[in-house]
Protein backbone atom coordinates (compact mmCIF):
# COMPACT_ATOMS: atom_id res chain seq x y z
CA MET A 1 127.22 128.50 110.48
CA LYS A 2 125.48 130.14 107.59
CA LEU A 3 122.01 128.83 108.47
CA TRP A 4 122.02 130.28 111.98
CA GLY A 5 123.73 133.52 111.00
CA LYS A 6 120.40 135.03 110.00
CA ASN A 7 118.91 134.65 113.49
CA THR A 8 120.14 137.59 115.52
CA SER A 9 118.51 136.33 118.75
CA LEU A 10 121.19 133.62 118.98
CA GLY A 11 123.75 136.28 119.86
CA GLU A 12 127.28 135.00 120.29
CA VAL A 13 126.57 131.25 120.18
CA ASP A 14 129.73 129.30 119.36
CA PHE A 15 128.41 126.44 117.24
CA ASN A 16 131.85 124.86 117.12
CA ALA A 17 131.43 124.17 120.86
CA ALA A 18 128.35 122.00 120.21
CA GLU A 19 128.62 118.22 119.81
CA TRP A 20 126.37 115.16 119.95
CA VAL A 21 126.06 113.50 123.35
CA TYR A 22 124.34 110.67 121.52
CA THR A 23 123.17 110.36 117.95
CA PRO A 24 119.48 110.78 117.14
CA ILE A 25 117.38 107.72 117.92
CA ILE A 26 114.14 107.22 116.00
CA GLN A 27 111.86 104.28 116.80
CA SER A 28 108.45 103.09 115.63
CA GLY A 29 106.27 100.02 115.30
CA GLY A 30 105.84 99.34 119.03
CA ASP A 31 109.47 98.26 119.47
CA TYR A 32 110.68 101.01 121.82
CA ASP A 33 113.80 101.20 123.97
CA LEU A 34 113.43 104.23 126.24
CA LYS A 35 116.87 104.01 127.83
CA VAL A 36 119.43 106.74 127.16
CA SER A 37 121.74 103.94 126.04
CA ALA A 38 119.32 102.88 123.26
CA GLN A 39 120.87 102.40 119.82
CA PRO A 40 119.34 103.37 116.48
CA ASN A 41 118.60 100.51 114.10
CA GLU A 42 118.01 100.07 110.38
CA LYS A 43 114.29 99.23 110.63
CA ASN A 44 111.93 101.23 108.39
CA LEU A 45 109.56 103.59 110.16
CA LYS A 46 105.97 102.43 110.52
CA PRO A 47 102.82 104.54 110.87
CA GLY A 48 101.44 105.06 114.37
CA VAL A 49 103.64 106.29 117.21
CA ILE A 50 107.14 107.46 116.31
CA LEU A 51 109.54 108.35 119.14
CA SER A 52 112.63 110.44 118.55
CA SER A 53 115.34 111.64 120.89
CA LEU A 54 118.74 113.31 120.69
CA GLY A 55 121.35 114.67 123.01
CA ILE A 56 123.64 117.66 122.49
CA ARG A 57 126.43 119.14 124.58
CA TYR A 58 127.22 122.86 124.36
CA LYS A 59 130.43 123.66 126.19
CA SER A 60 129.74 122.00 129.58
CA TYR A 61 125.92 121.96 129.33
CA CYS A 62 124.20 118.75 128.18
CA ALA A 63 120.63 118.62 126.91
CA SER A 64 118.47 115.71 125.89
CA MET A 65 115.27 116.14 123.93
CA GLY A 66 112.58 113.67 123.00
CA ARG A 67 109.49 114.03 120.85
CA THR A 68 106.52 111.82 120.04
CA PHE A 69 104.89 111.97 116.62
CA LEU A 70 101.56 110.40 115.69
CA ILE A 71 101.53 109.50 111.99
CA SER A 72 98.25 107.94 110.83
CA PRO A 73 97.64 106.46 114.30
CA SER A 74 94.86 104.07 115.18
CA LYS A 75 91.88 105.41 117.14
CA VAL A 76 93.04 103.45 120.20
CA CYS A 77 96.48 105.05 119.95
CA VAL A 78 95.03 108.56 119.82
CA LYS A 79 92.72 107.84 122.76
CA MET A 80 95.63 106.59 124.89
CA PHE A 81 97.91 109.47 123.90
CA PHE A 82 95.39 112.13 124.88
CA ALA A 83 93.90 110.23 127.87
CA ASP A 84 95.24 112.56 130.60
CA GLN A 85 94.49 115.87 128.91
């Protein structure tokens, strides 16, 4: 892959051996399905909490990654998100 070819720290990564375990799932608006079996939908994103997750397999190793984004969140949302820090 041309994009990754410039990063020498990736060594001998075989990008042809990488595949989606599940397609990216992006959810917002308080309607969240946190199961691995969740399906993406056609709803437009809404400000506040946005959850994203994806799964990739490289050879026999599977990895799942999730991220939370706060986009113009309410004060209550921010307070809850940072409550245990």
